[in-house]
């Protein structure tokens, strides 16, 4: 089934592009420590809001050269009362591949110094410029993406088992048990989720680490999102529980829990796969929204949401457009997941296909 599904995804032009985009993103996030030229703790306050570095491959004589860049020099314009940066062309800083740089621990375990690209010790390369604290935006995009792009999957690992089991039990038992369980689920569904997220996130202790806040946000997202999923599963179970194979299992003495978990819930696999794929974008947006409001991942740790917060100022949008990069990545990632989810739905649900 999985092989056929992957083949169908690869045949669809838009789904294939979405798969490639997400593969590149997750590959870069997995090797973020190695690919990023700077560590997640790097900061140079003298380089605040530096524009993206210019990479040159032709020297002053018009000949091809190894890629190099120039450092920016900070200056104050007394006429406009603004800080400006100009290239210091007195010294070239060559870009080196697999060069030694700031020490780090790969995946938090293996001590390393090699980076995919870097410059000499007194050189600086900022592919996407810097933020107000002089931190490399490109490096922070990689480290922040680990949070923004994994929170959805972690929430689903909590949400879907609860929703599957709750909906399966409710639909199979029926009667008063079903009524009570569904009324409780509808009560959870009636809670305005985003406002609840804001309230719960705002009352979290201020001394919590970003890792602790991250795990709590995952639990909060999961605990308010299972009810709608459980209701759909319950409807599917109602239509399945009178099938011959279910009645046969019941006649040979199989327990109710075994019938639910071994014979009924596996029949909902198609719906579960589609629902999981289409749910991931909503959790990415929820985390980004919370971090944008200052209620999610806190500085100095990065997520795409709190990085985007800096771009809400009009002057930054106008003069420092590189700060909008996290928003572009959120848009691309959410669109890619939705394209894949739609294609999976068409493959697993023939009725939804447009012939």
C-alpha atoms as a PDB file:
ATOM      1  CA  UNK A   1       0.000   0.000   0.000  1.00  0.00           C
ATOM      2  CA  UNK A   2       2.755   2.450   0.960  1.00  0.00           C
ATOM      3  CA  UNK A   3       4.680   1.643  -2.227  1.00  0.00           C
ATOM      4  CA  UNK A   4       1.608   2.201  -4.400  1.00  0.00           C
ATOM      5  CA  UNK A   5       0.893   5.435  -2.571  1.00  0.00           C
ATOM      6  CA  UNK A   6       4.426   6.722  -3.168  1.00  0.00           C
ATOM      7  CA  UNK A   7       4.187   5.786  -6.857  1.00  0.00           C
ATOM      8  CA  UNK A   8       0.913   7.690  -7.168  1.00  0.00           C
ATOM      9  CA  UNK A   9       2.432  10.719  -5.433  1.00  0.00           C
ATOM     10  CA  UNK A  10       5.426  10.647  -7.747  1.00  0.00           C
ATOM     11  CA  UNK A  11       3.206  10.515 -10.852  1.00  0.00           C
ATOM     12  CA  UNK A  12       1.377  13.676  -9.847  1.00  0.00           C
ATOM     13  CA  UNK A  13       3.415  16.699 -10.963  1.00  0.00           C
ATOM     14  CA  UNK A  14       2.488  19.002  -8.093  1.00  0.00           C
ATOM     15  CA  UNK A  15       2.799  16.308  -5.427  1.00  0.00           C
ATOM     16  CA  UNK A  16       6.228  15.365  -6.800  1.00  0.00           C
ATOM     17  CA  UNK A  17       7.403  18.969  -6.518  1.00  0.00           C
ATOM     18  CA  UNK A  18       5.982  19.182  -2.986  1.00  0.00           C
ATOM     19  CA  UNK A  19       7.779  15.968  -1.987  1.00  0.00           C
ATOM     20  CA  UNK A  20      11.070  17.270  -3.331  1.00  0.00           C
ATOM     21  CA  UNK A  21      10.647  20.613  -1.564  1.00  0.00           C
ATOM     22  CA  UNK A  22       9.867  18.986   1.782  1.00  0.00           C
ATOM     23  CA  UNK A  23      12.715  16.499   1.327  1.00  0.00           C
ATOM     24  CA  UNK A  24      15.184  19.348   0.788  1.00  0.00           C
ATOM     25  CA  UNK A  25      13.823  21.249   3.799  1.00  0.00           C
ATOM     26  CA  UNK A  26      13.967  18.279   6.171  1.00  0.00           C
ATOM     27  CA  UNK A  27      17.407  17.263   4.890  1.00  0.00           C
ATOM     28  CA  UNK A  28      18.713  20.761   5.600  1.00  0.00           C
ATOM     29  CA  UNK A  29      17.086  20.815   9.044  1.00  0.00           C
ATOM     30  CA  UNK A  30      18.531  17.414   9.981  1.00  0.00           C
ATOM     31  CA  UNK A  31      22.065  18.545   9.061  1.00  0.00           C
ATOM     32  CA  UNK A  32      21.507  22.114  10.308  1.00  0.00           C
ATOM     33  CA  UNK A  33      24.545  22.094  12.613  1.00  0.00           C
ATOM     34  CA  UNK A  34      26.805  21.148   9.706  1.00  0.00           C
ATOM     35  CA  UNK A  35      25.191  23.294   6.988  1.00  0.00           C
ATOM     36  CA  UNK A  36      24.866  26.466   9.084  1.00  0.00           C
ATOM     37  CA  UNK A  37      28.053  28.576   8.995  1.00  0.00           C
ATOM     38  CA  UNK A  38      27.449  29.680  12.589  1.00  0.00           C
ATOM     39  CA  UNK A  39      26.166  27.985  15.729  1.00  0.00           C
ATOM     40  CA  UNK A  40      22.765  28.802  17.195  1.00  0.00           C
ATOM     41  CA  UNK A  41      24.425  30.880  19.938  1.00  0.00           C
ATOM     42  CA  UNK A  42      26.408  33.093  17.558  1.00  0.00           C
ATOM     43  CA  UNK A  43      25.833  36.833  17.871  1.00  0.00           C
ATOM     44  CA  UNK A  44      27.820  39.894  16.783  1.00  0.00           C
ATOM     45  CA  UNK A  45      26.134  43.046  18.090  1.00  0.00           C
ATOM     46  CA  UNK A  46      28.282  45.267  15.839  1.00  0.00           C
ATOM     47  CA  UNK A  47      26.689  43.601  12.791  1.00  0.00           C
ATOM     48  CA  UNK A  48      22.992  44.355  13.484  1.00  0.00           C
ATOM     49  CA  UNK A  49      20.780  44.377  10.385  1.00  0.00           C
ATOM     50  CA  UNK A  50      23.659  43.665   8.014  1.00  0.00           C
ATOM     51  CA  UNK A  51      22.309  43.025   4.477  1.00  0.00           C
ATOM     52  CA  UNK A  52      22.983  39.684   2.772  1.00  0.00           C
ATOM     53  CA  UNK A  53      26.641  39.160   1.869  1.00  0.00           C
ATOM     54  CA  UNK A  54      27.586  39.529  -1.756  1.00  0.00           C
ATOM     55  CA  UNK A  55      29.488  36.565  -3.183  1.00  0.00           C
ATOM     56  CA  UNK A  56      31.899  37.314  -6.037  1.00  0.00           C
ATOM     57  CA  UNK A  57      33.357  34.867  -8.545  1.00  0.00           C
ATOM     58  CA  UNK A  58      35.142  37.405 -10.782  1.00  0.00           C
ATOM     59  CA  UNK A  59      38.059  39.452  -9.507  1.00  0.00           C
ATOM     60  CA  UNK A  60      38.914  43.111 -10.257  1.00  0.00           C
ATOM     61  CA  UNK A  61      40.832  42.030 -13.367  1.00  0.00           C
ATOM     62  CA  UNK A  62      37.761  40.364 -14.863  1.00  0.00           C
ATOM     63  CA  UNK A  63      39.063  36.830 -14.362  1.00  0.00           C
ATOM     64  CA  UNK A  64      37.268  33.933 -12.722  1.00  0.00           C
ATOM     65  CA  UNK A  65      38.208  33.426  -9.098  1.00  0.00           C
ATOM     66  CA  UNK A  66      37.366  31.230  -6.173  1.00  0.00           C
ATOM     67  CA  UNK A  67      34.174  32.534  -4.532  1.00  0.00           C
ATOM     68  CA  UNK A  68      34.938  35.303  -2.090  1.00  0.00           C
ATOM     69  CA  UNK A  69      33.180  38.034  -0.182  1.00  0.00           C
ATOM     70  CA  UNK A  70      33.939  41.293   1.591  1.00  0.00           C
ATOM     71  CA  UNK A  71      33.083  42.254   5.129  1.00  0.00           C
ATOM     72  CA  UNK A  72      30.628  45.059   5.735  1.00  0.00           C
ATOM     73  CA  UNK A  73      31.739  48.208   7.549  1.00  0.00           C
ATOM     74  CA  UNK A  74      29.236  50.045   9.696  1.00  0.00           C
ATOM     75  CA  UNK A  75      28.918  53.802   9.157  1.00  0.00           C
ATOM     76  CA  UNK A  76      26.644  56.571  10.394  1.00  0.00           C
ATOM     77  CA  UNK A  77      25.119  58.913   7.824  1.00  0.00           C
ATOM     78  CA  UNK A  78      24.835  62.309   9.504  1.00  0.00           C
ATOM     79  CA  UNK A  79      22.586  63.638   6.730  1.00  0.00           C
ATOM     80  CA  UNK A  80      19.875  60.967   7.019  1.00  0.00           C
ATOM     81  CA  UNK A  81      20.698  60.032  10.634  1.00  0.00           C
ATOM     82  CA  UNK A  82      20.795  56.372   9.635  1.00  0.00           C
ATOM     83  CA  UNK A  83      23.286  53.574  10.042  1.00  0.00           C
ATOM     84  CA  UNK A  84      24.540  52.237   6.722  1.00  0.00           C
ATOM     85  CA  UNK A  85      26.867  49.468   5.659  1.00  0.00           C
ATOM     86  CA  UNK A  86      29.430  49.521   2.890  1.00  0.00           C
ATOM     87  CA  UNK A  87      31.713  46.777   1.573  1.00  0.00           C
ATOM     88  CA  UNK A  88      35.282  46.859   2.838  1.00  0.00           C
ATOM     89  CA  UNK A  89      37.110  46.007  -0.374  1.00  0.00           C
ATOM     90  CA  UNK A  90      40.544  46.172   1.208  1.00  0.00           C
ATOM     91  CA  UNK A  91      40.582  42.441   1.936  1.00  0.00           C
ATOM     92  CA  UNK A  92      38.998  39.430   0.271  1.00  0.00           C
ATOM     93  CA  UNK A  93      37.580  36.617   2.376  1.00  0.00           C
ATOM     94  CA  UNK A  94      37.472  33.384   0.389  1.00  0.00           C
ATOM     95  CA  UNK A  95      34.596  30.964   0.935  1.00  0.00           C
ATOM     96  CA  UNK A  96      35.809  27.523   1.932  1.00  0.00           C
ATOM     97  CA  UNK A  97      33.916  24.244   1.780  1.00  0.00           C
ATOM     98  CA  UNK A  98      34.130  21.769   4.678  1.00  0.00           C
ATOM     99  CA  UNK A  99      36.259  24.230   6.590  1.00  0.00           C
ATOM    100  CA  UNK A 100      36.731  24.396  10.323  1.00  0.00           C
ATOM    101  CA  UNK A 101      34.628  26.926  12.166  1.00  0.00           C
ATOM    102  CA  UNK A 102      32.836  27.327  15.463  1.00  0.00           C
ATOM    103  CA  UNK A 103      32.698  24.066  17.447  1.00  0.00           C
ATOM    104  CA  UNK A 104      29.334  22.349  17.861  1.00  0.00           C
ATOM    105  CA  UNK A 105      27.812  18.991  18.651  1.00  0.00           C
ATOM    106  CA  UNK A 106      26.207  17.290  15.681  1.00  0.00           C
ATOM    107  CA  UNK A 107      22.674  16.236  16.720  1.00  0.00           C
ATOM    108  CA  UNK A 108      23.726  17.269  20.217  1.00  0.00           C
ATOM    109  CA  UNK A 109      26.036  14.262  20.526  1.00  0.00           C
ATOM    110  CA  UNK A 110      29.118  14.298  18.263  1.00  0.00           C
ATOM    111  CA  UNK A 111      31.660  17.122  18.791  1.00  0.00           C
ATOM    112  CA  UNK A 112      32.605  18.649  15.425  1.00  0.00           C
ATOM    113  CA  UNK A 113      34.155  21.785  13.956  1.00  0.00           C
ATOM    114  CA  UNK A 114      33.588  21.247  10.238  1.00  0.00           C
ATOM    115  CA  UNK A 115      30.926  23.342   8.507  1.00  0.00           C
ATOM    116  CA  UNK A 116      29.618  22.950   4.976  1.00  0.00           C
ATOM    117  CA  UNK A 117      30.926  26.414   4.112  1.00  0.00           C
ATOM    118  CA  UNK A 118      32.710  29.158   5.977  1.00  0.00           C
ATOM    119  CA  UNK A 119      35.311  31.926   5.583  1.00  0.00           C
ATOM    120  CA  UNK A 120      38.558  32.723   7.353  1.00  0.00           C
ATOM    121  CA  UNK A 121      38.575  33.600  11.040  1.00  0.00           C
ATOM    122  CA  UNK A 122      38.202  37.379  10.565  1.00  0.00           C
ATOM    123  CA  UNK A 123      35.686  37.112   7.722  1.00  0.00           C
ATOM    124  CA  UNK A 124      31.901  37.157   7.936  1.00  0.00           C
ATOM    125  CA  UNK A 125      29.384  35.619   5.561  1.00  0.00           C
ATOM    126  CA  UNK A 126      25.663  36.216   6.043  1.00  0.00           C
ATOM    127  CA  UNK A 127      23.747  34.668   3.137  1.00  0.00           C
ATOM    128  CA  UNK A 128      20.434  36.137   4.341  1.00  0.00           C
ATOM    129  CA  UNK A 129      21.740  39.054   6.404  1.00  0.00           C
ATOM    130  CA  UNK A 130      21.445  39.437  10.170  1.00  0.00           C
ATOM    131  CA  UNK A 131      18.782  40.425  12.698  1.00  0.00           C
ATOM    132  CA  UNK A 132      18.780  43.191  15.290  1.00  0.00           C
ATOM    133  CA  UNK A 133      21.178  41.240  17.517  1.00  0.00           C
ATOM    134  CA  UNK A 134      23.672  40.510  14.755  1.00  0.00           C
ATOM    135  CA  UNK A 135      22.660  36.850  14.436  1.00  0.00           C
ATOM    136  CA  UNK A 136      22.918  35.096  11.073  1.00  0.00           C
ATOM    137  CA  UNK A 137      19.390  34.719   9.674  1.00  0.00           C
ATOM    138  CA  UNK A 138      20.344  31.741   7.476  1.00  0.00           C
ATOM    139  CA  UNK A 139      21.695  29.759  10.434  1.00  0.00           C
ATOM    140  CA  UNK A 140      18.703  30.637  12.605  1.00  0.00           C
ATOM    141  CA  UNK A 141      16.312  29.548   9.840  1.00  0.00           C
ATOM    142  CA  UNK A 142      17.846  26.077   9.965  1.00  0.00           C
ATOM    143  CA  UNK A 143      17.758  25.801  13.751  1.00  0.00           C
ATOM    144  CA  UNK A 144      14.316  27.394  14.052  1.00  0.00           C
ATOM    145  CA  UNK A 145      12.895  25.134  11.369  1.00  0.00           C
ATOM    146  CA  UNK A 146      13.608  22.092  13.514  1.00  0.00           C
ATOM    147  CA  UNK A 147      10.973  23.315  15.948  1.00  0.00           C
ATOM    148  CA  UNK A 148       8.450  24.669  13.460  1.00  0.00           C
ATOM    149  CA  UNK A 149       8.585  21.632  11.165  1.00  0.00           C
ATOM    150  CA  UNK A 150       8.520  18.906  13.838  1.00  0.00           C
ATOM    151  CA  UNK A 151       5.870  20.236  16.201  1.00  0.00           C
ATOM    152  CA  UNK A 152       3.058  19.039  13.920  1.00  0.00           C
ATOM    153  CA  UNK A 153       4.274  15.445  13.811  1.00  0.00           C
ATOM    154  CA  UNK A 154       4.864  15.317  17.568  1.00  0.00           C
ATOM    155  CA  UNK A 155       1.361  16.634  18.221  1.00  0.00           C
ATOM    156  CA  UNK A 156      -0.097  13.991  15.894  1.00  0.00           C
ATOM    157  CA  UNK A 157       1.658  11.194  17.790  1.00  0.00           C
ATOM    158  CA  UNK A 158      -0.314  12.291  20.867  1.00  0.00           C
ATOM    159  CA  UNK A 159      -3.551  13.320  19.155  1.00  0.00           C
ATOM    160  CA  UNK A 160      -4.236  10.419  16.798  1.00  0.00           C
ATOM    161  CA  UNK A 161      -3.933   7.496  19.265  1.00  0.00           C
ATOM    162  CA  UNK A 162      -6.338   9.289  21.618  1.00  0.00           C
ATOM    163  CA  UNK A 163      -8.783  10.145  18.849  1.00  0.00           C
ATOM    164  CA  UNK A 164      -8.646   6.670  17.288  1.00  0.00           C
ATOM    165  CA  UNK A 165      -9.240   4.789  20.510  1.00  0.00           C
ATOM    166  CA  UNK A 166     -11.868   7.230  21.829  1.00  0.00           C
ATOM    167  CA  UNK A 167     -13.833   7.275  18.560  1.00  0.00           C
ATOM    168  CA  UNK A 168     -13.496   3.511  18.130  1.00  0.00           C
ATOM    169  CA  UNK A 169     -14.828   2.732  21.610  1.00  0.00           C
ATOM    170  CA  UNK A 170     -17.654   5.250  21.278  1.00  0.00           C
ATOM    171  CA  UNK A 171     -18.803   3.977  17.885  1.00  0.00           C
ATOM    172  CA  UNK A 172     -18.555   0.273  18.746  1.00  0.00           C
ATOM    173  CA  UNK A 173     -20.303   0.404  22.139  1.00  0.00           C
ATOM    174  CA  UNK A 174     -23.056   2.763  20.984  1.00  0.00           C
ATOM    175  CA  UNK A 175     -26.098   3.578  23.147  1.00  0.00           C
ATOM    176  CA  UNK A 176     -25.708   5.798  26.214  1.00  0.00           C
ATOM    177  CA  UNK A 177     -21.950   5.330  26.276  1.00  0.00           C
ATOM    178  CA  UNK A 178     -21.730   6.704  22.756  1.00  0.00           C
ATOM    179  CA  UNK A 179     -23.996   9.623  23.597  1.00  0.00           C
ATOM    180  CA  UNK A 180     -22.028  10.632  26.711  1.00  0.00           C
ATOM    181  CA  UNK A 181     -18.663  10.281  24.989  1.00  0.00           C
ATOM    182  CA  UNK A 182     -19.746  12.292  21.959  1.00  0.00           C
ATOM    183  CA  UNK A 183     -21.281  15.069  24.059  1.00  0.00           C
ATOM    184  CA  UNK A 184     -17.961  15.388  25.879  1.00  0.00           C
ATOM    185  CA  UNK A 185     -16.077  15.471  22.574  1.00  0.00           C
ATOM    186  CA  UNK A 186     -18.443  18.144  21.242  1.00  0.00           C
ATOM    187  CA  UNK A 187     -17.808  20.160  24.390  1.00  0.00           C
ATOM    188  CA  UNK A 188     -14.073  20.044  23.694  1.00  0.00           C
ATOM    189  CA  UNK A 189     -14.693  20.991  20.050  1.00  0.00           C
ATOM    190  CA  UNK A 190     -16.730  24.037  21.094  1.00  0.00           C
ATOM    191  CA  UNK A 191     -13.756  25.566  22.924  1.00  0.00           C
ATOM    192  CA  UNK A 192     -12.183  28.324  20.766  1.00  0.00           C
ATOM    193  CA  UNK A 193      -8.827  26.633  20.291  1.00  0.00           C
ATOM    194  CA  UNK A 194      -6.629  29.583  19.339  1.00  0.00           C
ATOM    195  CA  UNK A 195      -7.791  31.706  22.265  1.00  0.00           C
ATOM    196  CA  UNK A 196      -7.318  28.755  24.594  1.00  0.00           C
ATOM    197  CA  UNK A 197      -3.787  28.368  23.251  1.00  0.00           C
ATOM    198  CA  UNK A 198      -3.082  32.024  23.959  1.00  0.00           C
ATOM    199  CA  UNK A 199      -4.439  31.762  27.519  1.00  0.00           C
ATOM    200  CA  UNK A 200      -2.590  28.554  28.341  1.00  0.00           C
ATOM    201  CA  UNK A 201       0.651  29.737  26.775  1.00  0.00           C
ATOM    202  CA  UNK A 202       0.478  33.078  28.602  1.00  0.00           C
ATOM    203  CA  UNK A 203       0.152  31.464  32.044  1.00  0.00           C
ATOM    204  CA  UNK A 204       3.153  29.183  31.580  1.00  0.00           C
ATOM    205  CA  UNK A 205       5.928  29.999  34.079  1.00  0.00           C
ATOM    206  CA  UNK A 206       8.387  32.549  32.735  1.00  0.00           C
ATOM    207  CA  UNK A 207      11.366  30.531  33.947  1.00  0.00           C
ATOM    208  CA  UNK A 208      10.631  27.593  31.659  1.00  0.00           C
ATOM    209  CA  UNK A 209      13.190  26.638  29.055  1.00  0.00           C
ATOM    210  CA  UNK A 210      12.234  26.678  25.380  1.00  0.00           C
ATOM    211  CA  UNK A 211      12.373  22.866  25.314  1.00  0.00           C
ATOM    212  CA  UNK A 212       9.849  22.665  28.142  1.00  0.00           C
ATOM    213  CA  UNK A 213       7.603  25.255  26.476  1.00  0.00           C
ATOM    214  CA  UNK A 214       7.906  23.344  23.224  1.00  0.00           C
ATOM    215  CA  UNK A 215       6.706  20.088  24.796  1.00  0.00           C
ATOM    216  CA  UNK A 216       3.835  21.841  26.599  1.00  0.00           C
ATOM    217  CA  UNK A 217       2.713  23.511  23.365  1.00  0.00           C
ATOM    218  CA  UNK A 218       2.725  20.082  21.695  1.00  0.00           C
ATOM    219  CA  UNK A 219       0.535  18.652  24.481  1.00  0.00           C
ATOM    220  CA  UNK A 220      -1.824  21.636  24.375  1.00  0.00           C
ATOM    221  CA  UNK A 221      -2.236  21.350  20.597  1.00  0.00           C
ATOM    222  CA  UNK A 222      -2.887  17.625  20.884  1.00  0.00           C
ATOM    223  CA  UNK A 223      -5.343  17.801  23.769  1.00  0.00           C
ATOM    224  CA  UNK A 224      -7.619  20.298  22.022  1.00  0.00           C
ATOM    225  CA  UNK A 225      -7.437  18.701  18.580  1.00  0.00           C
ATOM    226  CA  UNK A 226      -8.386  15.065  19.201  1.00  0.00           C
ATOM    227  CA  UNK A 227     -12.151  15.572  19.523  1.00  0.00           C
ATOM    228  CA  UNK A 228     -12.923  16.374  15.887  1.00  0.00           C
ATOM    229  CA  UNK A 229     -10.834  13.464  14.710  1.00  0.00           C
ATOM    230  CA  UNK A 230     -12.519  11.107  17.199  1.00  0.00           C
ATOM    231  CA  UNK A 231     -15.959  12.136  15.942  1.00  0.00           C
ATOM    232  CA  UNK A 232     -15.098  11.227  12.344  1.00  0.00           C
ATOM    233  CA  UNK A 233     -13.596   7.889  13.441  1.00  0.00           C
ATOM    234  CA  UNK A 234     -16.749   7.159  15.431  1.00  0.00           C
ATOM    235  CA  UNK A 235     -18.872   7.658  12.302  1.00  0.00           C
ATOM    236  CA  UNK A 236     -16.661   5.281  10.338  1.00  0.00           C
ATOM    237  CA  UNK A 237     -16.816   2.659  13.095  1.00  0.00           C
ATOM    238  CA  UNK A 238     -20.627   2.801  13.094  1.00  0.00           C
ATOM    239  CA  UNK A 239     -20.625   1.765   9.439  1.00  0.00           C
ATOM    240  CA  UNK A 240     -17.985  -0.936   9.921  1.00  0.00           C
ATOM    241  CA  UNK A 241     -19.024  -2.680  13.126  1.00  0.00           C
ATOM    242  CA  UNK A 242     -21.796  -4.734  11.472  1.00  0.00           C
ATOM    243  CA  UNK A 243     -19.547  -6.160   8.757  1.00  0.00           C
ATOM    244  CA  UNK A 244     -19.270  -9.948   8.539  1.00  0.00           C
ATOM    245  CA  UNK A 245     -15.642 -10.148   9.669  1.00  0.00           C
ATOM    246  CA  UNK A 246     -16.456  -8.116  12.791  1.00  0.00           C
ATOM    247  CA  UNK A 247     -19.428 -10.334  13.623  1.00  0.00           C
ATOM    248  CA  UNK A 248     -17.257 -13.411  13.035  1.00  0.00           C
ATOM    249  CA  UNK A 249     -14.639 -12.155  15.481  1.00  0.00           C
ATOM    250  CA  UNK A 250     -17.365 -11.452  18.020  1.00  0.00           C
ATOM    251  CA  UNK A 251     -18.856 -14.935  17.593  1.00  0.00           C
ATOM    252  CA  UNK A 252     -15.576 -16.681  18.424  1.00  0.00           C
ATOM    253  CA  UNK A 253     -15.296 -14.781  21.689  1.00  0.00           C
ATOM    254  CA  UNK A 254     -12.869 -11.965  20.860  1.00  0.00           C
ATOM    255  CA  UNK A 255     -12.934  -9.185  23.437  1.00  0.00           C
ATOM    256  CA  UNK A 256     -14.424  -5.815  22.551  1.00  0.00           C
ATOM    257  CA  UNK A 257     -11.054  -4.074  22.832  1.00  0.00           C
ATOM    258  CA  UNK A 258      -9.441  -6.627  20.494  1.00  0.00           C
ATOM    259  CA  UNK A 259     -12.261  -6.276  17.957  1.00  0.00           C
ATOM    260  CA  UNK A 260     -11.876  -2.497  18.023  1.00  0.00           C
ATOM    261  CA  UNK A 261      -8.072  -2.426  17.768  1.00  0.00           C
ATOM    262  CA  UNK A 262      -7.483  -5.443  15.504  1.00  0.00           C
ATOM    263  CA  UNK A 263     -10.495  -5.550  13.186  1.00  0.00           C
ATOM    264  CA  UNK A 264     -12.211  -2.157  13.080  1.00  0.00           C
ATOM    265  CA  UNK A 265      -9.603   0.592  13.483  1.00  0.00           C
ATOM    266  CA  UNK A 266      -7.263  -0.817  10.794  1.00  0.00           C
ATOM    267  CA  UNK A 267     -10.086  -0.222   8.292  1.00  0.00           C
ATOM    268  CA  UNK A 268      -9.795   3.519   8.966  1.00  0.00           C
ATOM    269  CA  UNK A 269      -6.148   3.627   7.819  1.00  0.00           C
ATOM    270  CA  UNK A 270      -6.891   5.519   4.603  1.00  0.00           C
ATOM    271  CA  UNK A 271      -8.702   8.281   6.439  1.00  0.00           C
ATOM    272  CA  UNK A 272      -6.011   8.459   9.134  1.00  0.00           C
ATOM    273  CA  UNK A 273      -3.224   8.922   6.581  1.00  0.00           C
ATOM    274  CA  UNK A 274      -5.093  11.707   4.805  1.00  0.00           C
ATOM    275  CA  UNK A 275      -6.089  13.401   8.065  1.00  0.00           C
ATOM    276  CA  UNK A 276      -2.530  13.309   9.401  1.00  0.00           C
ATOM    277  CA  UNK A 277      -1.106  14.822   6.220  1.00  0.00           C
ATOM    278  CA  UNK A 278      -3.672  17.621   6.162  1.00  0.00           C
ATOM    279  CA  UNK A 279      -3.340  18.302   9.916  1.00  0.00           C
ATOM    280  CA  UNK A 280       0.405  18.962   9.975  1.00  0.00           C
ATOM    281  CA  UNK A 281       0.112  22.421   8.300  1.00  0.00           C
ATOM    282  CA  UNK A 282      -2.404  23.633  10.896  1.00  0.00           C
ATOM    283  CA  UNK A 283      -0.011  22.789  13.725  1.00  0.00           C
ATOM    284  CA  UNK A 284       2.882  24.486  11.946  1.00  0.00           C
ATOM    285  CA  UNK A 285       0.726  27.614  11.658  1.00  0.00           C
ATOM    286  CA  UNK A 286      -0.420  27.367  15.288  1.00  0.00           C
ATOM    287  CA  UNK A 287       3.140  27.203  16.613  1.00  0.00           C
ATOM    288  CA  UNK A 288       4.222  30.012  14.317  1.00  0.00           C
ATOM    289  CA  UNK A 289       1.273  32.135  15.428  1.00  0.00           C
ATOM    290  CA  UNK A 290       2.015  31.590  19.115  1.00  0.00           C
ATOM    291  CA  UNK A 291       5.710  32.345  18.687  1.00  0.00           C
ATOM    292  CA  UNK A 292       4.843  35.409  16.597  1.00  0.00           C
ATOM    293  CA  UNK A 293       2.712  36.671  19.495  1.00  0.00           C
ATOM    294  CA  UNK A 294       5.546  36.012  21.937  1.00  0.00           C
ATOM    295  CA  UNK A 295       3.732  33.127  23.654  1.00  0.00           C
ATOM    296  CA  UNK A 296       5.597  30.224  22.103  1.00  0.00           C
ATOM    297  CA  UNK A 297       9.311  29.608  21.741  1.00  0.00           C
ATOM    298  CA  UNK A 298      11.192  32.411  23.459  1.00  0.00           C
ATOM    299  CA  UNK A 299      14.333  34.244  22.424  1.00  0.00           C
ATOM    300  CA  UNK A 300      17.233  33.582  22.107  1.00  0.00           C
ATOM    301  CA  UNK A 301      16.014  30.192  20.792  1.00  0.00           C
ATOM    302  CA  UNK A 302      14.693  30.390  17.265  1.00  0.00           C
ATOM    303  CA  UNK A 303      11.518  29.280  15.570  1.00  0.00           C
ATOM    304  CA  UNK A 304      10.123  30.578  12.312  1.00  0.00           C
ATOM    305  CA  UNK A 305       7.317  32.281  14.220  1.00  0.00           C
ATOM    306  CA  UNK A 306       9.429  34.353  16.605  1.00  0.00           C
ATOM    307  CA  UNK A 307      11.882  35.175  13.791  1.00  0.00           C
ATOM    308  CA  UNK A 308       8.986  36.534  11.740  1.00  0.00           C
ATOM    309  CA  UNK A 309       7.925  38.756  14.626  1.00  0.00           C
ATOM    310  CA  UNK A 310      10.827  41.083  13.904  1.00  0.00           C
ATOM    311  CA  UNK A 311       9.502  41.652  10.389  1.00  0.00           C
ATOM    312  CA  UNK A 312       6.192  43.110  11.570  1.00  0.00           C
ATOM    313  CA  UNK A 313       7.666  46.616  11.673  1.00  0.00           C
ATOM    314  CA  UNK A 314       7.035  48.593   8.510  1.00  0.00           C
ATOM    315  CA  UNK A 315      10.609  49.865   8.292  1.00  0.00           C
ATOM    316  CA  UNK A 316      11.962  46.314   8.433  1.00  0.00           C
ATOM    317  CA  UNK A 317       9.604  45.158   5.677  1.00  0.00           C
ATOM    318  CA  UNK A 318      10.642  48.109   3.528  1.00  0.00           C
ATOM    319  CA  UNK A 319      14.391  48.206   4.127  1.00  0.00           C
ATOM    320  CA  UNK A 320      15.224  44.701   5.422  1.00  0.00           C
ATOM    321  CA  UNK A 321      13.144  42.261   3.340  1.00  0.00           C
ATOM    322  CA  UNK A 322      15.422  39.323   4.220  1.00  0.00           C
ATOM    323  CA  UNK A 323      13.674  39.214   7.614  1.00  0.00           C
ATOM    324  CA  UNK A 324      10.545  37.986   5.791  1.00  0.00           C
ATOM    325  CA  UNK A 325      12.260  34.726   4.781  1.00  0.00           C
ATOM    326  CA  UNK A 326      10.691  32.682   7.650  1.00  0.00           C
ATOM    327  CA  UNK A 327       7.228  33.680   6.427  1.00  0.00           C
ATOM    328  CA  UNK A 328       8.087  32.512   2.921  1.00  0.00           C
ATOM    329  CA  UNK A 329       9.294  29.139   4.255  1.00  0.00           C
ATOM    330  CA  UNK A 330       6.121  28.721   6.331  1.00  0.00           C
ATOM    331  CA  UNK A 331       4.035  29.436   3.216  1.00  0.00           C
ATOM    332  CA  UNK A 332       6.015  26.966   1.069  1.00  0.00           C
ATOM    333  CA  UNK A 333       5.935  24.201   3.711  1.00  0.00           C
ATOM    334  CA  UNK A 334       2.206  24.514   4.400  1.00  0.00           C
ATOM    335  CA  UNK A 335       1.428  24.589   0.673  1.00  0.00           C
ATOM    336  CA  UNK A 336       3.583  21.487   0.074  1.00  0.00           C
ATOM    337  CA  UNK A 337       1.847  19.520   2.849  1.00  0.00           C
ATOM    338  CA  UNK A 338      -1.570  20.515   1.522  1.00  0.00           C
ATOM    339  CA  UNK A 339      -0.672  19.451  -2.029  1.00  0.00           C
ATOM    340  CA  UNK A 340       0.536  16.074  -0.786  1.00  0.00           C
ATOM    341  CA  UNK A 341      -2.543  15.668   1.418  1.00  0.00           C
ATOM    342  CA  UNK A 342      -4.906  16.409  -1.463  1.00  0.00           C
ATOM    343  CA  UNK A 343      -3.135  13.908  -3.693  1.00  0.00           C
ATOM    344  CA  UNK A 344      -3.210  11.196  -1.024  1.00  0.00           C
ATOM    345  CA  UNK A 345      -6.936  11.839  -0.541  1.00  0.00           C
ATOM    346  CA  UNK A 346      -7.535  11.415  -4.278  1.00  0.00           C
ATOM    347  CA  UNK A 347      -5.538   8.180  -4.331  1.00  0.00           C
ATOM    348  CA  UNK A 348      -7.125   6.590  -1.259  1.00  0.00           C
ATOM    349  CA  UNK A 349     -10.633   7.872  -1.875  1.00  0.00           C
ATOM    350  CA  UNK A 350     -11.577   7.171  -5.514  1.00  0.00           C
ATOM    351  CA  UNK A 351     -14.887   8.998  -5.081  1.00  0.00           C
ATOM    352  CA  UNK A 352     -13.015  12.293  -4.684  1.00  0.00           C
ATOM    353  CA  UNK A 353     -11.162  11.933  -7.989  1.00  0.00           C
ATOM    354  CA  UNK A 354     -12.098  14.170 -10.871  1.00  0.00           C
ATOM    355  CA  UNK A 355     -12.146  11.913 -13.882  1.00  0.00           C
END
